[in-house]
Amino acid sequence: MFKNLNEKDKKKIYTLLSLVVVCAIALIAMPNLSPKDDKKKEVVTKNEPKATQIPSKEDALESKLKEILSKIEGAGEVDVMITFESSEEIQPAYNSNSTTEKTEEKDTKGGERTITTSSDNKTIITSGSNEPIVLKTNEASVKGVIVVSSGASDPAVKETLYDAVQTALQVAGHQVEVYAK
């Protein structure tokens, strides 16, 4: 088959064929190696301690609203879900330095070149305990509220729950829905 080729060409072809065979063997062996790695990962993740969840301000607000609404006469068992447009935003204090440098050059042939370089350096101001100093905190804005109550089948109780949510969260009426269980 390779009788018409010189020795250099034959060596190149045999080298390429050997490389193809090695790659094929590697591709066949690869799937057999990965399940062992997955088993090791499973063992490691099973032994890791579970992180304790700290209730966020949003969760605390939801549970507090649920507690208050359940105390309304006739409301019965109450469940509350609050959705937020964004999370709480903290605005830290900054030291700000801005510099602008403008260089104008003219060459002997009448050409002009203007180079403007500007830099803005902001550094967060921290307290003695290395915590950033906060200028302002913007609370998370409420997008909508759903209340499910066993007493909401009574129109008077439903209206009271509806008004209570609007007052407590300072939201518009179209952002609140009250349903019966």
C-alpha atoms as a PDB file:
ATOM      1  CA  MET A   1       0.000   0.000   0.000  1.00  0.00           C
ATOM      2  CA  PHE A   2       2.832   2.431   0.838  1.00  0.00           C
ATOM      3  CA  LYS A   3       5.346   0.957  -1.631  1.00  0.00           C
ATOM      4  CA  ASN A   4       5.660   4.117  -3.737  1.00  0.00           C
ATOM      5  CA  LEU A   5       6.527   6.362  -0.781  1.00  0.00           C
ATOM      6  CA  ASN A   6      10.029   7.112   0.486  1.00  0.00           C
ATOM      7  CA  GLU A   7      11.148   6.306   4.051  1.00  0.00           C
ATOM      8  CA  LYS A   8      10.445   9.783   5.493  1.00  0.00           C
ATOM      9  CA  ASP A   9       6.856   9.764   4.238  1.00  0.00           C
ATOM     10  CA  LYS A  10       6.301   6.238   5.569  1.00  0.00           C
ATOM     11  CA  LYS A  11       7.567   7.288   9.013  1.00  0.00           C
ATOM     12  CA  LYS A  12       5.230  10.302   9.021  1.00  0.00           C
ATOM     13  CA  ILE A  13       2.233   8.137   8.080  1.00  0.00           C
ATOM     14  CA  TYR A  14       3.045   5.514  10.733  1.00  0.00           C
ATOM     15  CA  THR A  15       3.501   8.235  13.337  1.00  0.00           C
ATOM     16  CA  LEU A  16       0.133   9.774  12.455  1.00  0.00           C
ATOM     17  CA  LEU A  17      -1.581   6.367  12.546  1.00  0.00           C
ATOM     18  CA  SER A  18      -0.022   5.680  15.952  1.00  0.00           C
ATOM     19  CA  LEU A  19      -1.260   9.045  17.200  1.00  0.00           C
ATOM     20  CA  VAL A  20      -4.795   8.314  15.950  1.00  0.00           C
ATOM     21  CA  VAL A  21      -4.787   4.928  17.722  1.00  0.00           C
ATOM     22  CA  VAL A  22      -3.596   6.513  20.999  1.00  0.00           C
ATOM     23  CA  CYS A  23      -6.315   9.214  20.763  1.00  0.00           C
ATOM     24  CA  ALA A  24      -8.988   6.590  20.094  1.00  0.00           C
ATOM     25  CA  ILE A  25      -7.891   4.573  23.129  1.00  0.00           C
ATOM     26  CA  ALA A  26      -7.895   7.735  25.261  1.00  0.00           C
ATOM     27  CA  LEU A  27     -11.427   8.626  24.137  1.00  0.00           C
ATOM     28  CA  ILE A  28     -12.644   5.142  24.973  1.00  0.00           C
ATOM     29  CA  ALA A  29     -10.983   5.222  28.406  1.00  0.00           C
ATOM     30  CA  MET A  30     -12.205   8.739  29.359  1.00  0.00           C
ATOM     31  CA  PRO A  31     -15.838   7.863  30.234  1.00  0.00           C
ATOM     32  CA  ASN A  32     -14.623   5.078  32.514  1.00  0.00           C
ATOM     33  CA  LEU A  33     -12.521   7.535  34.540  1.00  0.00           C
ATOM     34  CA  SER A  34     -15.166  10.197  35.220  1.00  0.00           C
ATOM     35  CA  PRO A  35     -17.629   8.166  37.386  1.00  0.00           C
ATOM     36  CA  LYS A  36     -14.836   7.545  39.895  1.00  0.00           C
ATOM     37  CA  ASP A  37     -14.334  11.311  40.184  1.00  0.00           C
ATOM     38  CA  ASP A  38     -18.086  11.836  40.677  1.00  0.00           C
ATOM     39  CA  LYS A  39     -18.122   9.287  43.480  1.00  0.00           C
ATOM     40  CA  LYS A  40     -15.262  11.110  45.187  1.00  0.00           C
ATOM     41  CA  LYS A  41     -17.110  14.412  44.864  1.00  0.00           C
ATOM     42  CA  GLU A  42     -20.254  12.892  46.368  1.00  0.00           C
ATOM     43  CA  VAL A  43     -18.334  11.610  49.359  1.00  0.00           C
ATOM     44  CA  VAL A  44     -16.721  14.983  49.934  1.00  0.00           C
ATOM     45  CA  THR A  45     -20.005  16.878  49.702  1.00  0.00           C
ATOM     46  CA  LYS A  46     -21.726  14.448  52.062  1.00  0.00           C
ATOM     47  CA  ASN A  47     -19.089  15.041  54.746  1.00  0.00           C
ATOM     48  CA  GLU A  48     -19.237  18.846  54.552  1.00  0.00           C
ATOM     49  CA  PRO A  49     -21.187  20.537  57.334  1.00  0.00           C
ATOM     50  CA  LYS A  50     -24.435  22.176  56.301  1.00  0.00           C
ATOM     51  CA  ALA A  51     -24.416  25.950  56.350  1.00  0.00           C
ATOM     52  CA  THR A  52     -26.893  27.501  58.734  1.00  0.00           C
ATOM     53  CA  GLN A  53     -29.157  29.974  57.046  1.00  0.00           C
ATOM     54  CA  ILE A  54     -29.410  33.372  58.637  1.00  0.00           C
ATOM     55  CA  PRO A  55     -32.868  34.818  58.043  1.00  0.00           C
ATOM     56  CA  SER A  56     -32.670  37.865  55.811  1.00  0.00           C
ATOM     57  CA  LYS A  57     -34.526  41.100  56.444  1.00  0.00           C
ATOM     58  CA  GLU A  58     -36.952  40.114  53.696  1.00  0.00           C
ATOM     59  CA  ASP A  59     -37.736  36.792  55.398  1.00  0.00           C
ATOM     60  CA  ALA A  60     -38.108  38.531  58.751  1.00  0.00           C
ATOM     61  CA  LEU A  61     -40.546  41.036  57.226  1.00  0.00           C
ATOM     62  CA  GLU A  62     -42.585  38.195  55.711  1.00  0.00           C
ATOM     63  CA  SER A  63     -42.827  36.293  59.009  1.00  0.00           C
ATOM     64  CA  LYS A  64     -43.672  39.449  60.969  1.00  0.00           C
ATOM     65  CA  LEU A  65     -46.463  40.329  58.517  1.00  0.00           C
ATOM     66  CA  LYS A  66     -47.772  36.754  58.740  1.00  0.00           C
ATOM     67  CA  GLU A  67     -47.811  36.990  62.526  1.00  0.00           C
ATOM     68  CA  ILE A  68     -49.666  40.328  62.546  1.00  0.00           C
ATOM     69  CA  LEU A  69     -52.252  39.275  59.954  1.00  0.00           C
ATOM     70  CA  SER A  70     -53.025  36.036  61.783  1.00  0.00           C
ATOM     71  CA  LYS A  71     -54.038  38.131  64.829  1.00  0.00           C
ATOM     72  CA  ILE A  72     -56.799  39.885  62.874  1.00  0.00           C
ATOM     73  CA  GLU A  73     -60.197  38.674  64.017  1.00  0.00           C
ATOM     74  CA  GLY A  74     -61.589  36.041  61.659  1.00  0.00           C
ATOM     75  CA  ALA A  75     -58.384  35.714  59.620  1.00  0.00           C
ATOM     76  CA  GLY A  76     -57.576  32.223  60.892  1.00  0.00           C
ATOM     77  CA  GLU A  77     -54.463  30.560  59.518  1.00  0.00           C
ATOM     78  CA  VAL A  78     -52.482  32.959  57.296  1.00  0.00           C
ATOM     79  CA  ASP A  79     -49.652  32.481  54.805  1.00  0.00           C
ATOM     80  CA  VAL A  80     -47.786  35.426  53.257  1.00  0.00           C
ATOM     81  CA  MET A  81     -45.444  35.745  50.286  1.00  0.00           C
ATOM     82  CA  ILE A  82     -43.662  39.013  49.523  1.00  0.00           C
ATOM     83  CA  THR A  83     -41.712  39.543  46.306  1.00  0.00           C
ATOM     84  CA  PHE A  84     -39.104  42.259  46.029  1.00  0.00           C
ATOM     85  CA  GLU A  85     -37.887  44.246  43.016  1.00  0.00           C
ATOM     86  CA  SER A  86     -34.355  44.363  44.356  1.00  0.00           C
ATOM     87  CA  SER A  87     -32.479  43.550  47.511  1.00  0.00           C
ATOM     88  CA  GLU A  88     -31.257  46.026  50.097  1.00  0.00           C
ATOM     89  CA  GLU A  89     -28.684  48.463  48.724  1.00  0.00           C
ATOM     90  CA  ILE A  90     -25.925  49.936  50.872  1.00  0.00           C
ATOM     91  CA  GLN A  91     -24.089  53.105  49.828  1.00  0.00           C
ATOM     92  CA  PRO A  92     -20.672  53.292  51.501  1.00  0.00           C
ATOM     93  CA  ALA A  93     -18.668  56.474  52.038  1.00  0.00           C
ATOM     94  CA  TYR A  94     -15.858  57.115  49.528  1.00  0.00           C
ATOM     95  CA  ASN A  95     -12.757  59.258  49.345  1.00  0.00           C
ATOM     96  CA  SER A  96     -12.632  60.390  45.741  1.00  0.00           C
ATOM     97  CA  ASN A  97      -9.703  61.863  43.826  1.00  0.00           C
ATOM     98  CA  SER A  98     -10.072  62.946  40.196  1.00  0.00           C
ATOM     99  CA  THR A  99      -7.281  64.268  38.010  1.00  0.00           C
ATOM    100  CA  THR A 100      -7.374  65.469  34.428  1.00  0.00           C
ATOM    101  CA  GLU A 101      -4.294  66.282  32.393  1.00  0.00           C
ATOM    102  CA  LYS A 102      -4.430  67.943  28.986  1.00  0.00           C
ATOM    103  CA  THR A 103      -1.401  68.136  26.679  1.00  0.00           C
ATOM    104  CA  GLU A 104      -1.358  70.055  23.403  1.00  0.00           C
ATOM    105  CA  GLU A 105       1.434  69.461  20.894  1.00  0.00           C
ATOM    106  CA  LYS A 106       2.256  71.208  17.626  1.00  0.00           C
ATOM    107  CA  ASP A 107       4.802  69.939  15.153  1.00  0.00           C
ATOM    108  CA  THR A 108       6.891  71.893  12.636  1.00  0.00           C
ATOM    109  CA  LYS A 109       4.629  70.971   9.722  1.00  0.00           C
ATOM    110  CA  GLY A 110       1.567  72.607  11.280  1.00  0.00           C
ATOM    111  CA  GLY A 111      -0.035  69.471  12.746  1.00  0.00           C
ATOM    112  CA  GLU A 112      -1.713  69.621  16.128  1.00  0.00           C
ATOM    113  CA  ARG A 113      -2.363  66.888  18.654  1.00  0.00           C
ATOM    114  CA  THR A 114      -4.249  67.123  21.928  1.00  0.00           C
ATOM    115  CA  ILE A 115      -3.921  64.378  24.556  1.00  0.00           C
ATOM    116  CA  THR A 116      -6.323  64.296  27.481  1.00  0.00           C
ATOM    117  CA  THR A 117      -5.655  61.890  30.348  1.00  0.00           C
ATOM    118  CA  SER A 118      -8.023  61.551  33.265  1.00  0.00           C
ATOM    119  CA  SER A 119      -8.087  59.274  36.276  1.00  0.00           C
ATOM    120  CA  ASP A 120     -10.649  58.735  38.985  1.00  0.00           C
ATOM    121  CA  ASN A 121      -9.617  57.058  42.228  1.00  0.00           C
ATOM    122  CA  LYS A 122     -12.242  55.999  44.784  1.00  0.00           C
ATOM    123  CA  THR A 123     -11.401  54.465  48.126  1.00  0.00           C
ATOM    124  CA  ILE A 124     -13.992  53.161  50.575  1.00  0.00           C
ATOM    125  CA  ILE A 125     -13.731  54.758  54.010  1.00  0.00           C
ATOM    126  CA  THR A 126     -13.595  52.159  56.763  1.00  0.00           C
ATOM    127  CA  SER A 127     -13.931  52.354  60.522  1.00  0.00           C
ATOM    128  CA  GLY A 128     -11.377  51.131  63.044  1.00  0.00           C
ATOM    129  CA  SER A 129     -12.757  47.575  62.808  1.00  0.00           C
ATOM    130  CA  ASN A 130     -12.229  47.593  59.020  1.00  0.00           C
ATOM    131  CA  GLU A 131     -15.987  47.821  58.336  1.00  0.00           C
ATOM    132  CA  PRO A 132     -17.087  50.285  55.641  1.00  0.00           C
ATOM    133  CA  ILE A 133     -18.790  53.442  56.841  1.00  0.00           C
ATOM    134  CA  VAL A 134     -22.341  53.469  55.454  1.00  0.00           C
ATOM    135  CA  LEU A 135     -23.818  56.760  54.282  1.00  0.00           C
ATOM    136  CA  LYS A 136     -27.218  55.449  53.308  1.00  0.00           C
ATOM    137  CA  THR A 137     -29.128  52.175  53.177  1.00  0.00           C
ATOM    138  CA  ASN A 138     -31.930  51.774  50.644  1.00  0.00           C
ATOM    139  CA  GLU A 139     -34.429  49.172  51.767  1.00  0.00           C
ATOM    140  CA  ALA A 140     -35.602  46.530  49.326  1.00  0.00           C
ATOM    141  CA  SER A 141     -38.665  47.726  47.443  1.00  0.00           C
ATOM    142  CA  VAL A 142     -41.767  45.521  47.532  1.00  0.00           C
ATOM    143  CA  LYS A 143     -43.015  44.320  44.157  1.00  0.00           C
ATOM    144  CA  GLY A 144     -46.073  42.392  45.294  1.00  0.00           C
ATOM    145  CA  VAL A 145     -47.750  40.603  48.200  1.00  0.00           C
ATOM    146  CA  ILE A 146     -49.947  37.498  48.274  1.00  0.00           C
ATOM    147  CA  VAL A 147     -51.921  36.625  51.387  1.00  0.00           C
ATOM    148  CA  VAL A 148     -53.724  33.295  51.756  1.00  0.00           C
ATOM    149  CA  SER A 149     -56.066  33.125  54.723  1.00  0.00           C
ATOM    150  CA  SER A 150     -58.625  30.586  55.905  1.00  0.00           C
ATOM    151  CA  GLY A 151     -60.934  33.466  56.860  1.00  0.00           C
ATOM    152  CA  ALA A 152     -60.637  35.364  53.576  1.00  0.00           C
ATOM    153  CA  SER A 153     -63.882  33.852  52.259  1.00  0.00           C
ATOM    154  CA  ASP A 154     -65.650  36.479  54.401  1.00  0.00           C
ATOM    155  CA  PRO A 155     -65.554  39.786  52.421  1.00  0.00           C
ATOM    156  CA  ALA A 156     -65.125  41.906  55.576  1.00  0.00           C
ATOM    157  CA  VAL A 157     -62.090  39.893  56.728  1.00  0.00           C
ATOM    158  CA  LYS A 158     -60.645  39.949  53.193  1.00  0.00           C
ATOM    159  CA  GLU A 159     -60.965  43.748  53.049  1.00  0.00           C
ATOM    160  CA  THR A 160     -59.356  44.102  56.479  1.00  0.00           C
ATOM    161  CA  LEU A 161     -56.394  41.918  55.440  1.00  0.00           C
ATOM    162  CA  TYR A 162     -56.072  43.872  52.190  1.00  0.00           C
ATOM    163  CA  ASP A 163     -56.004  47.225  54.021  1.00  0.00           C
ATOM    164  CA  ALA A 164     -53.602  45.927  56.676  1.00  0.00           C
ATOM    165  CA  VAL A 165     -51.056  44.829  54.061  1.00  0.00           C
ATOM    166  CA  GLN A 166     -51.286  48.156  52.214  1.00  0.00           C
ATOM    167  CA  THR A 167     -50.752  50.067  55.442  1.00  0.00           C
ATOM    168  CA  ALA A 168     -47.973  47.885  56.838  1.00  0.00           C
ATOM    169  CA  LEU A 169     -45.871  47.813  53.665  1.00  0.00           C
ATOM    170  CA  GLN A 170     -46.898  51.146  52.123  1.00  0.00           C
ATOM    171  CA  VAL A 171     -47.756  49.498  48.789  1.00  0.00           C
ATOM    172  CA  ALA A 172     -50.442  50.261  46.211  1.00  0.00           C
ATOM    173  CA  GLY A 173     -53.612  48.200  46.016  1.00  0.00           C
ATOM    174  CA  HIS A 174     -52.687  46.573  42.708  1.00  0.00           C
ATOM    175  CA  GLN A 175     -49.646  45.035  44.400  1.00  0.00           C
ATOM    176  CA  VAL A 176     -51.714  43.117  46.960  1.00  0.00           C
ATOM    177  CA  GLU A 177     -53.842  40.009  46.479  1.00  0.00           C
ATOM    178  CA  VAL A 178     -55.786  38.215  49.212  1.00  0.00           C
ATOM    179  CA  TYR A 179     -57.086  34.670  48.666  1.00  0.00           C
ATOM    180  CA  ALA A 180     -59.127  32.226  50.725  1.00  0.00           C
ATOM    181  CA  LYS A 181     -57.701  28.814  51.684  1.00  0.00           C
END
